C-alpha atoms as a PDB file:
ATOM      1  CA  LEU A   1     113.844 114.752  83.251  1.00  0.00           C
ATOM      2  CA  PRO A   2     112.879 112.643  80.217  1.00  0.00           C
ATOM      3  CA  LYS A   3     111.889 108.996  80.511  1.00  0.00           C
ATOM      4  CA  LEU A   4     114.642 106.438  79.997  1.00  0.00           C
ATOM      5  CA  THR A   5     114.764 104.816  76.572  1.00  0.00           C
ATOM      6  CA  ASP A   6     114.660 101.031  76.089  1.00  0.00           C
ATOM      7  CA  ASP A   7     118.473 101.170  75.252  1.00  0.00           C
ATOM      8  CA  GLN A   8     119.110 102.947  78.615  1.00  0.00           C
ATOM      9  CA  MET A   9     117.010 100.432  80.453  1.00  0.00           C
ATOM     10  CA  ARG A  10     118.941  97.540  78.760  1.00  0.00           C
ATOM     11  CA  ALA A  11     122.275  99.175  79.625  1.00  0.00           C
ATOM     12  CA  ALA A  12     121.371  99.382  83.349  1.00  0.00           C
ATOM     13  CA  PHE A  13     120.752  95.620  83.385  1.00  0.00           C
ATOM     14  CA  ALA A  14     123.843  94.883  81.313  1.00  0.00           C
ATOM     15  CA  GLU A  15     126.050  96.774  83.763  1.00  0.00           C
ATOM     16  CA  PRO A  16     124.628  96.373  87.256  1.00  0.00           C
ATOM     17  CA  ILE A  17     126.084  98.151  90.198  1.00  0.00           C
ATOM     18  CA  GLY A  18     128.099  95.995  92.674  1.00  0.00           C
ATOM     19  CA  THR A  19     126.923  92.578  91.490  1.00  0.00           C
ATOM     20  CA  PRO A  20     127.237  90.315  88.439  1.00  0.00           C
ATOM     21  CA  ARG A  21     124.341  90.498  85.915  1.00  0.00           C
ATOM     22  CA  LEU A  22     121.061  89.008  87.007  1.00  0.00           C
ATOM     23  CA  ALA A  23     121.423  86.428  84.272  1.00  0.00           C
ATOM     24  CA  GLU A  24     124.604  85.230  85.858  1.00  0.00           C
ATOM     25  CA  LEU A  25     123.129  85.150  89.409  1.00  0.00           C
ATOM     26  CA  ALA A  26     120.147  83.185  88.097  1.00  0.00           C
ATOM     27  CA  ARG A  27     122.257  80.218  86.849  1.00  0.00           C
ATOM     28  CA  ASP A  28     121.503  77.010  88.774  1.00  0.00           C
ATOM     29  CA  ARG A  29     118.957  78.734  91.034  1.00  0.00           C
ATOM     30  CA  LYS A  30     115.769  76.706  91.718  1.00  0.00           C
ATOM     31  CA  GLU A  31     113.123  79.192  92.840  1.00  0.00           C
ATOM     32  CA  VAL A  32     112.925  82.912  92.185  1.00  0.00           C
ATOM     33  CA  VAL A  33     110.837  85.536  93.971  1.00  0.00           C
ATOM     34  CA  ILE A  34     110.233  89.114  92.652  1.00  0.00           C
ATOM     35  CA  ILE A  35     109.054  91.416  95.378  1.00  0.00           C
ATOM     36  CA  PHE A  36     107.294  94.596  94.186  1.00  0.00           C
ATOM     37  CA  ASP A  37     105.763  97.554  95.934  1.00  0.00           C
ATOM     38  CA  ASP A  38     102.007  98.391  95.997  1.00  0.00           C
ATOM     39  CA  LEU A  39      99.865 101.114  94.483  1.00  0.00           C
ATOM     40  CA  SER A  40     100.914 103.573  97.249  1.00  0.00           C
ATOM     41  CA  ARG A  41     104.191 103.853  95.305  1.00  0.00           C
ATOM     42  CA  PRO A  42     104.525 105.250  91.858  1.00  0.00           C
ATOM     43  CA  THR A  43     106.924 102.685  90.424  1.00  0.00           C
ATOM     44  CA  LYS A  44     105.902 101.583  86.883  1.00  0.00           C
ATOM     45  CA  THR A  45     106.700  97.946  87.746  1.00  0.00           C
ATOM     46  CA  SER A  46     104.984  96.675  84.599  1.00  0.00           C
ATOM     47  CA  GLU A  47     107.644  98.424  82.459  1.00  0.00           C
ATOM     48  CA  LEU A  48     110.535  97.015  84.543  1.00  0.00           C
ATOM     49  CA  VAL A  49     109.396  93.349  84.902  1.00  0.00           C
ATOM     50  CA  PRO A  50     110.075  92.392  81.218  1.00  0.00           C
ATOM     51  CA  TYR A  51     113.723  93.261  81.553  1.00  0.00           C
ATOM     52  CA  ILE A  52     113.938  91.140  84.742  1.00  0.00           C
ATOM     53  CA  LEU A  53     112.241  88.208  83.072  1.00  0.00           C
ATOM     54  CA  LYS A  54     114.507  88.410  80.096  1.00  0.00           C
ATOM     55  CA  GLU A  55     117.582  88.217  82.386  1.00  0.00           C
ATOM     56  CA  LEU A  56     116.071  85.264  84.267  1.00  0.00           C
ATOM     57  CA  LYS A  57     115.378  83.452  81.029  1.00  0.00           C
ATOM     58  CA  GLU A  58     118.968  84.046  79.840  1.00  0.00           C
ATOM     59  CA  GLY A  59     120.086  82.593  83.155  1.00  0.00           C
ATOM     60  CA  GLY A  60     118.124  79.490  82.459  1.00  0.00           C
ATOM     61  CA  VAL A  61     115.206  79.957  84.830  1.00  0.00           C
ATOM     62  CA  GLU A  62     111.807  78.552  83.571  1.00  0.00           C
ATOM     63  CA  ASP A  63     108.613  80.557  84.186  1.00  0.00           C
ATOM     64  CA  GLY A  64     107.325  77.821  86.511  1.00  0.00           C
ATOM     65  CA  ALA A  65     110.134  78.677  88.977  1.00  0.00           C
ATOM     66  CA  ILE A  66     109.133  82.318  89.372  1.00  0.00           C
ATOM     67  CA  ARG A  67     106.627  83.876  91.661  1.00  0.00           C
ATOM     68  CA  PHE A  68     105.765  87.493  92.632  1.00  0.00           C
ATOM     69  CA  VAL A  69     105.039  88.738  96.176  1.00  0.00           C
ATOM     70  CA  ALA A  70     103.640  92.202  96.916  1.00  0.00           C
ATOM     71  CA  GLY A  71     105.760  93.886  99.554  1.00  0.00           C
ATOM     72  CA  THR A  72     102.720  95.515 101.116  1.00  0.00           C
ATOM     73  CA  ALA A  73     104.186  95.642 104.748  1.00  0.00           C
ATOM     74  CA  MET A  74     101.275  96.713 106.898  1.00  0.00           C
ATOM     75  CA  HIS A  75      99.269  98.126 103.975  1.00  0.00           C
ATOM     76  CA  PRO A  76      95.987  96.468 102.820  1.00  0.00           C
ATOM     77  CA  ALA A  77      96.231  93.362 100.619  1.00  0.00           C
ATOM     78  CA  MET A  78      96.011  94.038  96.847  1.00  0.00           C
ATOM     79  CA  ARG A  79      93.149  92.823  94.662  1.00  0.00           C
ATOM     80  CA  LEU A  80      93.558  91.174  91.317  1.00  0.00           C
ATOM     81  CA  ASP A  81      92.769  94.434  89.475  1.00  0.00           C
ATOM     82  CA  GLU A  82      95.440  96.120  91.505  1.00  0.00           C
ATOM     83  CA  PHE A  83      97.966  93.395  90.602  1.00  0.00           C
ATOM     84  CA  ARG A  84      97.128  94.009  86.932  1.00  0.00           C
ATOM     85  CA  LYS A  85      97.553  97.760  87.332  1.00  0.00           C
ATOM     86  CA  LYS A  86     100.966  97.265  88.932  1.00  0.00           C
ATOM     87  CA  LEU A  87     102.332  94.333  86.998  1.00  0.00           C
ATOM     88  CA  GLY A  88     100.399  94.488  83.719  1.00  0.00           C
ATOM     89  CA  GLN A  89      97.573  92.316  82.544  1.00  0.00           C
ATOM     90  CA  ASP A  90      99.761  89.363  81.525  1.00  0.00           C
ATOM     91  CA  ILE A  91     101.873  88.717  84.683  1.00  0.00           C
ATOM     92  CA  PRO A  92      98.937  87.445  86.980  1.00  0.00           C
ATOM     93  CA  ARG A  93      97.948  84.997  84.242  1.00  0.00           C
ATOM     94  CA  ARG A  94     101.462  83.673  83.728  1.00  0.00           C
ATOM     95  CA  PHE A  95     102.777  83.520  87.306  1.00  0.00           C
ATOM     96  CA  PRO A  96     101.617  83.084  90.907  1.00  0.00           C
ATOM     97  CA  VAL A  97     101.200  86.503  92.576  1.00  0.00           C
ATOM     98  CA  PHE A  98     100.849  86.649  96.311  1.00  0.00           C
ATOM     99  CA  ASN A  99     100.047  89.311  98.942  1.00  0.00           C
ATOM    100  CA  HIS A 100     102.323  89.473 101.958  1.00  0.00           C
ATOM    101  CA  ASN A 101     100.722  88.716 105.308  1.00  0.00           C
ATOM    102  CA  PRO A 102     102.431  90.502 108.084  1.00  0.00           C
ATOM    103  CA  PHE A 103     100.749  88.480 110.758  1.00  0.00           C
ATOM    104  CA  ASP A 104     101.351  84.859 109.648  1.00  0.00           C
ATOM    105  CA  ASN A 105     103.521  82.520 107.632  1.00  0.00           C
ATOM    106  CA  CYS A 106     106.844  84.268 108.413  1.00  0.00           C
ATOM    107  CA  THR A 107     110.233  82.661 109.111  1.00  0.00           C
ATOM    108  CA  TYR A 108     112.410  83.739 112.059  1.00  0.00           C
ATOM    109  CA  LEU A 109     116.016  84.415 111.009  1.00  0.00           C
ATOM    110  CA  GLY A 110     117.413  85.868 114.206  1.00  0.00           C
ATOM    111  CA  ARG A 111     117.930  89.433 115.469  1.00  0.00           C
ATOM    112  CA  THR A 112     119.796  92.437 114.073  1.00  0.00           C
ATOM    113  CA  SER A 113     122.504  94.018 116.123  1.00  0.00           C
ATOM    114  CA  ARG A 114     119.957  96.680 117.240  1.00  0.00           C
ATOM    115  CA  GLY A 115     117.693  93.927 118.577  1.00  0.00           C
ATOM    116  CA  THR A 116     115.099  93.796 115.792  1.00  0.00           C
ATOM    117  CA  PRO A 117     113.580  90.293 115.447  1.00  0.00           C
ATOM    118  CA  VAL A 118     113.827  89.404 111.737  1.00  0.00           C
ATOM    119  CA  LEU A 119     110.732  87.411 110.734  1.00  0.00           C
ATOM    120  CA  ILE A 120     110.306  87.297 106.917  1.00  0.00           C
ATOM    121  CA  ASN A 121     107.647  85.998 104.545  1.00  0.00           C
ATOM    122  CA  SER A 122     108.104  82.169 104.305  1.00  0.00           C
ATOM    123  CA  GLU A 123     107.251  82.173 100.588  1.00  0.00           C
ATOM    124  CA  VAL A 124     110.074  84.597 100.152  1.00  0.00           C
ATOM    125  CA  MET A 125     112.473  82.602 102.235  1.00  0.00           C
ATOM    126  CA  ALA A 126     111.666  79.429 100.222  1.00  0.00           C
ATOM    127  CA  CYS A 127     113.337  80.988  97.154  1.00  0.00           C
ATOM    128  CA  ASP A 128     116.997  80.959  96.554  1.00  0.00           C
ATOM    129  CA  LEU A 129     117.016  83.973  94.259  1.00  0.00           C
ATOM    130  CA  LYS A 130     115.447  87.229  95.521  1.00  0.00           C
ATOM    131  CA  VAL A 131     114.834  90.381  93.454  1.00  0.00           C
ATOM    132  CA  LEU A 132     113.447  93.623  94.863  1.00  0.00           C
ATOM    133  CA  VAL A 133     111.624  96.100  92.677  1.00  0.00           C
ATOM    134  CA  GLY A 134     110.784  99.539  93.950  1.00  0.00           C
ATOM    135  CA  ASP A 135     111.599 103.303  93.776  1.00  0.00           C
ATOM    136  CA  ILE A 136     113.770 105.701  95.605  1.00  0.00           C
ATOM    137  CA  LEU A 137     111.494 108.425  96.999  1.00  0.00           C
ATOM    138  CA  PRO A 138     112.165 110.480 100.104  1.00  0.00           C
ATOM    139  CA  HIS A 139     110.921 108.832 103.319  1.00  0.00           C
ATOM    140  CA  ARG A 140     110.614 110.350 106.789  1.00  0.00           C
ATOM    141  CA  LEU A 141     112.079 107.405 108.610  1.00  0.00           C
ATOM    142  CA  ALA A 142     114.423 105.536 106.103  1.00  0.00           C
ATOM    143  CA  GLY A 143     115.726 108.700 104.408  1.00  0.00           C
ATOM    144  CA  PHE A 144     114.653 107.290 101.040  1.00  0.00           C
ATOM    145  CA  GLY A 145     112.583 104.316 100.007  1.00  0.00           C
ATOM    146  CA  GLY A 146     113.838 101.367  97.948  1.00  0.00           C
ATOM    147  CA  GLY A 147     116.691  99.044  98.591  1.00  0.00           C
ATOM    148  CA  ALA A 148     116.322  97.042 101.893  1.00  0.00           C
ATOM    149  CA  LYS A 149     112.926  98.704 102.600  1.00  0.00           C
ATOM    150  CA  MET A 150     111.282  96.292 100.215  1.00  0.00           C
ATOM    151  CA  ILE A 151     112.263  93.530 102.668  1.00  0.00           C
ATOM    152  CA  LEU A 152     111.858  95.244 106.013  1.00  0.00           C
ATOM    153  CA  PRO A 153     109.009  96.190 106.387  1.00  0.00           C
ATOM    154  CA  GLY A 154     107.918  95.109 102.849  1.00  0.00           C
ATOM    155  CA  VAL A 155     107.675  91.351 103.560  1.00  0.00           C
ATOM    156  CA  ALA A 156     108.397  91.366 107.202  1.00  0.00           C
ATOM    157  CA  HIS A 157     106.204  90.375 110.196  1.00  0.00           C
ATOM    158  CA  ALA A 158     104.357  93.041 112.080  1.00  0.00           C
ATOM    159  CA  ASP A 159     106.613  92.591 115.082  1.00  0.00           C
ATOM    160  CA  THR A 160     109.669  93.107 112.837  1.00  0.00           C
ATOM    161  CA  ALA A 161     108.229  96.357 111.400  1.00  0.00           C
ATOM    162  CA  TYR A 162     107.277  97.714 114.865  1.00  0.00           C
ATOM    163  CA  ALA A 163     110.672  97.040 116.292  1.00  0.00           C
ATOM    164  CA  ASN A 164     112.367  98.811 113.323  1.00  0.00           C
ATOM    165  CA  HIS A 165     109.937 101.785 113.042  1.00  0.00           C
ATOM    166  CA  HIS A 166     109.530 102.298 116.746  1.00  0.00           C
ATOM    167  CA  ASP A 167     112.166 100.761 118.965  1.00  0.00           C
ATOM    168  CA  VAL A 168     115.083 101.647 116.621  1.00  0.00           C
ATOM    169  CA  ALA A 169     113.666 104.903 115.320  1.00  0.00           C
ATOM    170  CA  LEU A 170     112.841 106.502 118.641  1.00  0.00           C
ATOM    171  CA  MET A 171     115.152 107.634 121.347  1.00  0.00           C
ATOM    172  CA  ASP A 172     114.739 108.388 125.016  1.00  0.00           C
ATOM    173  CA  ASP A 173     117.700 110.447 126.418  1.00  0.00           C
ATOM    174  CA  GLY A 174     115.854 111.140 129.611  1.00  0.00           C
ATOM    175  CA  THR A 175     114.806 114.604 128.602  1.00  0.00           C
ATOM    176  CA  SER A 176     111.708 113.835 126.445  1.00  0.00           C
ATOM    177  CA  ASP A 177     108.252 113.364 127.728  1.00  0.00           C
ATOM    178  CA  THR A 178     107.312 109.600 127.663  1.00  0.00           C
ATOM    179  CA  HIS A 179     104.127 110.526 125.778  1.00  0.00           C
ATOM    180  CA  ALA A 180     106.150 112.332 123.194  1.00  0.00           C
ATOM    181  CA  PRO A 181     109.221 110.348 122.232  1.00  0.00           C
ATOM    182  CA  ARG A 182     111.658 111.907 119.709  1.00  0.00           C
ATOM    183  CA  LEU A 183     113.029 110.444 116.600  1.00  0.00           C
ATOM    184  CA  HIS A 184     116.773 109.465 116.739  1.00  0.00           C
ATOM    185  CA  PRO A 185     118.737 112.371 115.306  1.00  0.00           C
ATOM    186  CA  SER A 186     120.082 110.160 112.486  1.00  0.00           C
ATOM    187  CA  VAL A 187     116.530 109.534 111.205  1.00  0.00           C
ATOM    188  CA  GLY A 188     114.625 111.797 108.739  1.00  0.00           C
ATOM    189  CA  PHE A 189     114.079 112.738 105.180  1.00  0.00           C
ATOM    190  CA  ALA A 190     117.163 112.318 102.943  1.00  0.00           C
ATOM    191  CA  LYS A 191     119.258 110.917 105.799  1.00  0.00           C
ATOM    192  CA  VAL A 192     120.711 107.594 104.802  1.00  0.00           C
ATOM    193  CA  ASP A 193     124.414 106.717 105.533  1.00  0.00           C
ATOM    194  CA  GLU A 194     124.195 106.894 109.298  1.00  0.00           C
ATOM    195  CA  ASN A 195     120.420 106.454 109.635  1.00  0.00           C
ATOM    196  CA  VAL A 196     119.742 103.819 112.344  1.00  0.00           C
ATOM    197  CA  VAL A 197     116.438 102.746 110.737  1.00  0.00           C
ATOM    198  CA  ARG A 198     117.919 102.340 107.214  1.00  0.00           C
ATOM    199  CA  LEU A 199     120.947 100.448 108.584  1.00  0.00           C
ATOM    200  CA  ASP A 200     118.709  98.180 110.648  1.00  0.00           C
ATOM    201  CA  MET A 201     116.679  97.550 107.477  1.00  0.00           C
ATOM    202  CA  GLU A 202     119.807  96.680 105.474  1.00  0.00           C
ATOM    203  CA  GLU A 203     121.166  94.344 108.158  1.00  0.00           C
ATOM    204  CA  GLY A 204     117.831  92.460 108.265  1.00  0.00           C
ATOM    205  CA  ALA A 205     117.658  92.317 104.464  1.00  0.00           C
ATOM    206  CA  ARG A 206     121.164  90.886 104.242  1.00  0.00           C
ATOM    207  CA  MET A 207     120.078  88.131 106.644  1.00  0.00           C
ATOM    208  CA  THR A 208     117.425  87.040 104.109  1.00  0.00           C
ATOM    209  CA  GLY A 209     120.097  86.759 101.238  1.00  0.00           C
ATOM    210  CA  VAL A 210     118.706  89.425  98.855  1.00  0.00           C
ATOM    211  CA  ASP A 211     120.489  88.996  95.460  1.00  0.00           C
ATOM    212  CA  PHE A 212     119.454  91.959  93.383  1.00  0.00           C
ATOM    213  CA  ILE A 213     117.512  95.186  93.392  1.00  0.00           C
ATOM    214  CA  VAL A 214     115.812  97.112  90.653  1.00  0.00           C
ATOM    215  CA  ASN A 215     115.154 100.668  91.847  1.00  0.00           C
ATOM    216  CA  ALA A 216     113.701 103.478  89.865  1.00  0.00           C
ATOM    217  CA  VAL A 217     113.804 107.254  90.203  1.00  0.00           C
ATOM    218  CA  VAL A 218     110.587 108.688  88.717  1.00  0.00           C
ATOM    219  CA  ASN A 219     109.290 112.045  87.528  1.00  0.00           C
ATOM    220  CA  LEU A 220     105.778 113.585  88.154  1.00  0.00           C
ATOM    221  CA  LYS A 221     104.386 111.390  85.340  1.00  0.00           C
ATOM    222  CA  ARG A 222     105.763 108.257  87.142  1.00  0.00           C
ATOM    223  CA  ASP A 223     108.179 107.793  84.240  1.00  0.00           C
ATOM    224  CA  THR A 224     111.423 106.056  85.082  1.00  0.00           C
ATOM    225  CA  VAL A 225     114.133 108.770  84.724  1.00  0.00           C
ATOM    226  CA  GLY A 226     116.895 106.820  86.543  1.00  0.00           C
ATOM    227  CA  LEU A 227     117.378 103.128  86.980  1.00  0.00           C
ATOM    228  CA  PHE A 228     119.683 101.562  89.587  1.00  0.00           C
ATOM    229  CA  VAL A 229     120.140  97.794  89.543  1.00  0.00           C
ATOM    230  CA  GLY A 230     122.508  95.554  91.405  1.00  0.00           C
ATOM    231  CA  ASP A 231     123.614  95.311  94.963  1.00  0.00           C
ATOM    232  CA  LEU A 232     121.147  95.914  97.788  1.00  0.00           C
ATOM    233  CA  VAL A 233     123.264  98.756  99.239  1.00  0.00           C
ATOM    234  CA  VAL A 234     125.739  99.982  96.654  1.00  0.00           C
ATOM    235  CA  ALA A 235     123.125 100.319  93.850  1.00  0.00           C
ATOM    236  CA  HIS A 236     120.663 101.893  96.245  1.00  0.00           C
ATOM    237  CA  ARG A 237     123.241 104.576  97.412  1.00  0.00           C
ATOM    238  CA  GLU A 238     123.959 105.530  93.796  1.00  0.00           C
ATOM    239  CA  GLY A 239     120.163 106.033  93.266  1.00  0.00           C
ATOM    240  CA  VAL A 240     120.048 108.088  96.426  1.00  0.00           C
ATOM    241  CA  GLU A 241     122.617 110.526  95.006  1.00  0.00           C
ATOM    242  CA  MET A 242     120.441 111.171  91.973  1.00  0.00           C
ATOM    243  CA  SER A 243     117.264 111.358  94.118  1.00  0.00           C
ATOM    244  CA  ARG A 244     118.818 114.067  96.429  1.00  0.00           C
ATOM    245  CA  SER A 245     119.026 116.483  93.571  1.00  0.00           C
ATOM    246  CA  HIS A 246     116.041 115.191  91.527  1.00  0.00           C
ATOM    247  CA  TYR A 247     113.481 115.662  94.320  1.00  0.00           C
ATOM    248  CA  ALA A 248     115.049 118.674  96.106  1.00  0.00           C
ATOM    249  CA  THR A 249     113.171 121.961  96.036  1.00  0.00           C
ATOM    250  CA  GLU A 250     114.818 125.185  97.051  1.00  0.00           C
ATOM    251  CA  ALA A 251     112.900 126.803  99.967  1.00  0.00           C
ATOM    252  CA  PRO A 252     111.709 130.398  99.175  1.00  0.00           C
ATOM    253  CA  GLY A 253     113.303 133.160 101.226  1.00  0.00           C
ATOM    254  CA  ARG A 254     111.897 136.425 102.770  1.00  0.00           C
ATOM    255  CA  VAL A 255     108.503 134.951 103.663  1.00  0.00           C
ATOM    256  CA  ASP A 256     106.415 135.912 106.652  1.00  0.00           C
END
């Protein structure tokens, strides 16, 4: 698929899915955090950020009220050169950019209905407008990436990530070997709507008060070929529908 044009990008932000425009959400907000994924994901964040900043400026947000947090989850911290690769040369000069620490400086918000303790980066929780930037790629636990996954595990404590990826994801029906637990049947690639891991992530993310997502579908050149902005769940689900066909490969038949 071809890369989206500037007009198509603008149109996605002008008509978000399931929420008002980001410019409207930004009015009267004091502190804004933009959470982005790391270099293990192909999102061309540097091409998406200018549209986000334009919306925030229109909503009356000054640059000094904006910070970026890398949703690295349990991945290694990013270096300055990696921030520049992901965000562009200018962003680390203009704005504070932080790595998430999954072992410290997290705020406890309670537990999900599945028992996951929700501890989220305190820098994130200090902001009253939260924007998530990522992509919607197939994922073996959450079905697809993007959406709430940028919060849990993106900026969550290690204990939160473990509870979601282990306690919620695995099942023990009494028939499996304790040394070889099985994934819950709702969990797996391209499984979303009933996926207990994804639903647990979304419940935890709702507890943080996420306002807006910016999720890309990309091609093999990492170009953005689909852009889904708006509500944490509704916009993500529309992106999933595109991703199902975009990333699908028909399995060959008659093989040995």
